[in-house]
């Protein structure tokens, strides 16, 4: 699907449109499952976050810190 200027909708464009008060082709979606076994050290949390971001149809990145962080 394309937007009014003929460009294809991308996750980045979709989120930017919503933040600008415009209507995208669909609601942006971000699902962030947690794998606490892989998220104990900061470097592992970063690696897991980036790995999950590479999955198709993700419109956002949801940075998280471990629950036990201070």
N, C-alpha and C. Protein backbone atom coordinates (compact mmCIF):
# COMPACT_ATOMS: atom_id res chain seq x y z
N UNK A 1 0.85 -1.17 0.00
CA UNK A 1 0.00 0.00 0.00
C UNK A 1 0.90 1.24 0.00
N UNK A 2 0.46 2.27 -0.66
CA UNK A 2 1.23 3.51 -0.72
C UNK A 2 0.45 4.63 -0.06
N UNK A 3 1.17 5.71 0.28
CA UNK A 3 0.49 6.86 0.87
C UNK A 3 0.20 7.89 -0.22
N UNK A 4 -0.27 9.06 0.18
CA UNK A 4 -0.74 10.05 -0.80
C UNK A 4 0.33 10.51 -1.78
N UNK A 5 1.61 10.43 -1.41
CA UNK A 5 2.64 10.85 -2.35
C UNK A 5 3.18 9.68 -3.18
N UNK A 6 2.55 8.51 -3.06
CA UNK A 6 2.91 7.36 -3.87
C UNK A 6 4.00 6.49 -3.28
N UNK A 7 4.56 6.90 -2.16
CA UNK A 7 5.63 6.12 -1.53
C UNK A 7 5.03 4.99 -0.70
N UNK A 8 5.73 3.88 -0.64
CA UNK A 8 5.27 2.75 0.16
C UNK A 8 5.37 3.08 1.64
N UNK A 9 4.45 2.54 2.42
CA UNK A 9 4.49 2.74 3.87
C UNK A 9 5.57 1.85 4.45
N UNK A 10 6.40 2.42 5.28
CA UNK A 10 7.41 1.68 6.03
C UNK A 10 7.10 1.87 7.51
N UNK A 11 7.72 1.06 8.34
CA UNK A 11 7.50 1.21 9.78
C UNK A 11 7.87 2.62 10.24
N UNK A 12 9.01 3.11 9.78
CA UNK A 12 9.47 4.45 10.18
C UNK A 12 8.49 5.52 9.72
N UNK A 13 8.06 5.43 8.50
CA UNK A 13 7.14 6.43 7.96
C UNK A 13 5.79 6.39 8.68
N UNK A 14 5.35 5.19 9.01
CA UNK A 14 4.07 5.00 9.71
C UNK A 14 4.11 5.67 11.09
N UNK A 15 5.18 5.42 11.84
CA UNK A 15 5.30 6.01 13.18
C UNK A 15 5.44 7.53 13.08
N UNK A 16 6.24 8.02 12.12
CA UNK A 16 6.40 9.46 11.96
C UNK A 16 5.07 10.12 11.61
N UNK A 17 4.25 9.46 10.79
CA UNK A 17 2.95 10.02 10.43
C UNK A 17 2.06 10.17 11.66
N UNK A 18 2.03 9.14 12.49
CA UNK A 18 1.21 9.20 13.70
C UNK A 18 1.69 10.31 14.62
N UNK A 19 3.00 10.43 14.79
CA UNK A 19 3.55 11.47 15.67
C UNK A 19 3.26 12.87 15.13
N UNK A 20 3.07 12.98 13.81
CA UNK A 20 2.75 14.27 13.20
C UNK A 20 1.24 14.52 13.14
N UNK A 21 0.45 13.59 13.69
CA UNK A 21 -0.99 13.77 13.70
C UNK A 21 -1.67 13.36 12.40
N UNK A 22 -0.95 12.64 11.55
CA UNK A 22 -1.50 12.17 10.28
C UNK A 22 -2.02 10.75 10.41
N UNK A 23 -2.76 10.32 9.43
CA UNK A 23 -3.35 8.98 9.47
C UNK A 23 -2.53 8.02 8.59
N UNK A 24 -1.96 6.98 9.19
CA UNK A 24 -1.20 6.00 8.41
C UNK A 24 -2.11 4.97 7.75
N UNK A 25 -1.52 4.05 7.03
CA UNK A 25 -2.30 3.00 6.38
C UNK A 25 -2.90 2.03 7.39
N UNK A 26 -2.23 1.89 8.53
CA UNK A 26 -2.73 1.06 9.62
C UNK A 26 -2.10 1.55 10.91
N UNK A 27 -2.61 1.07 12.02
CA UNK A 27 -2.08 1.45 13.33
C UNK A 27 -0.69 0.84 13.48
N UNK A 28 0.30 1.63 13.92
CA UNK A 28 1.62 1.05 14.17
C UNK A 28 1.55 0.01 15.29
N UNK A 29 2.31 -1.06 15.14
CA UNK A 29 2.30 -2.15 16.10
C UNK A 29 3.72 -2.46 16.54
N UNK A 30 3.88 -2.64 17.82
CA UNK A 30 5.16 -3.07 18.37
C UNK A 30 4.89 -4.09 19.45
N UNK A 31 5.40 -5.28 19.26
CA UNK A 31 5.24 -6.34 20.24
C UNK A 31 6.63 -6.69 20.74
N UNK A 32 6.80 -6.66 22.03
CA UNK A 32 8.12 -6.93 22.60
C UNK A 32 8.01 -8.05 23.62
N UNK A 33 8.23 -9.29 23.18
CA UNK A 33 8.25 -10.37 24.17
C UNK A 33 9.53 -10.25 25.01
N UNK A 34 9.51 -10.79 26.19
CA UNK A 34 10.69 -10.75 27.04
C UNK A 34 11.24 -12.14 27.24
N UNK A 35 12.56 -12.22 27.15
CA UNK A 35 13.26 -13.46 27.43
C UNK A 35 14.24 -13.12 28.55
N UNK A 36 13.77 -13.21 29.77
CA UNK A 36 14.57 -12.77 30.91
C UNK A 36 15.88 -13.54 31.05
N UNK A 37 15.91 -14.77 30.55
CA UNK A 37 17.16 -15.53 30.61
C UNK A 37 18.24 -14.88 29.74
N UNK A 38 17.83 -14.19 28.67
CA UNK A 38 18.78 -13.53 27.77
C UNK A 38 18.96 -12.05 28.08
N UNK A 39 18.30 -11.53 29.09
CA UNK A 39 18.31 -10.09 29.34
C UNK A 39 18.92 -9.72 30.70
N UNK A 40 19.78 -10.54 31.23
CA UNK A 40 20.34 -10.28 32.55
C UNK A 40 21.49 -9.27 32.54
N UNK A 41 22.31 -9.31 31.51
CA UNK A 41 23.43 -8.37 31.39
C UNK A 41 23.07 -7.31 30.36
N UNK A 42 23.53 -6.08 30.54
CA UNK A 42 23.19 -5.01 29.58
C UNK A 42 23.52 -5.37 28.13
N UNK A 43 24.68 -5.97 27.90
CA UNK A 43 25.05 -6.31 26.51
C UNK A 43 24.13 -7.39 25.94
N UNK A 44 23.66 -8.31 26.79
CA UNK A 44 22.73 -9.34 26.32
C UNK A 44 21.35 -8.74 26.05
N UNK A 45 20.93 -7.79 26.88
CA UNK A 45 19.66 -7.11 26.67
C UNK A 45 19.67 -6.36 25.34
N UNK A 46 20.78 -5.68 25.06
CA UNK A 46 20.91 -4.96 23.79
C UNK A 46 20.85 -5.93 22.62
N UNK A 47 21.59 -7.02 22.70
CA UNK A 47 21.61 -8.01 21.63
C UNK A 47 20.22 -8.61 21.39
N UNK A 48 19.52 -8.92 22.46
CA UNK A 48 18.17 -9.50 22.33
C UNK A 48 17.19 -8.49 21.75
N UNK A 49 17.29 -7.23 22.18
CA UNK A 49 16.42 -6.19 21.65
C UNK A 49 16.64 -6.01 20.16
N UNK A 50 17.89 -5.97 19.74
CA UNK A 50 18.20 -5.82 18.31
C UNK A 50 17.78 -7.04 17.51
N UNK A 51 17.95 -8.22 18.08
CA UNK A 51 17.53 -9.45 17.39
C UNK A 51 16.03 -9.44 17.13
N UNK A 52 15.27 -9.05 18.15
CA UNK A 52 13.82 -9.03 17.99
C UNK A 52 13.37 -7.94 17.03
N UNK A 53 14.10 -6.84 16.94
CA UNK A 53 13.74 -5.76 16.04
C UNK A 53 13.84 -6.18 14.57
N UNK A 54 14.65 -7.18 14.28
CA UNK A 54 14.83 -7.63 12.90
C UNK A 54 13.65 -8.45 12.39
N UNK A 55 12.74 -8.82 13.28
CA UNK A 55 11.57 -9.59 12.85
C UNK A 55 10.69 -8.72 11.96
N UNK A 56 10.07 -9.30 10.94
CA UNK A 56 9.23 -8.51 10.04
C UNK A 56 7.99 -7.95 10.72
N UNK A 57 7.47 -6.88 10.15
CA UNK A 57 6.23 -6.24 10.58
C UNK A 57 6.29 -5.61 11.97
N UNK A 58 7.46 -5.24 12.40
CA UNK A 58 7.57 -4.52 13.66
C UNK A 58 7.69 -3.04 13.35
N UNK A 59 6.83 -2.22 13.92
CA UNK A 59 6.84 -0.79 13.65
C UNK A 59 7.61 0.01 14.68
N UNK A 60 8.08 -0.63 15.71
CA UNK A 60 8.76 0.15 16.73
C UNK A 60 9.78 -0.64 17.50
N UNK A 61 10.60 0.08 18.21
CA UNK A 61 11.59 -0.50 19.09
C UNK A 61 11.20 -0.13 20.50
N UNK A 62 11.15 -1.09 21.37
CA UNK A 62 10.71 -0.87 22.74
C UNK A 62 11.87 -1.13 23.69
N UNK A 63 12.72 -0.13 23.93
CA UNK A 63 13.85 -0.36 24.82
C UNK A 63 13.37 -0.67 26.23
N UNK A 64 14.03 -1.60 26.84
CA UNK A 64 13.67 -2.02 28.21
C UNK A 64 14.94 -2.15 29.02
N UNK A 65 14.82 -1.91 30.28
CA UNK A 65 15.92 -2.21 31.19
C UNK A 65 15.48 -3.39 32.04
N UNK A 66 16.41 -4.19 32.51
CA UNK A 66 16.03 -5.32 33.35
C UNK A 66 15.30 -4.85 34.59
N UNK A 67 14.42 -5.67 35.10
CA UNK A 67 13.60 -5.34 36.26
C UNK A 67 14.47 -5.02 37.47
N UNK A 68 15.60 -5.69 37.60
CA UNK A 68 16.42 -5.51 38.77
C UNK A 68 17.37 -4.31 38.67
N UNK A 69 17.28 -3.52 37.60
CA UNK A 69 18.15 -2.35 37.45
C UNK A 69 17.83 -1.31 38.50
N UNK A 70 18.85 -0.54 38.84
CA UNK A 70 18.63 0.54 39.81
C UNK A 70 18.75 1.87 39.13
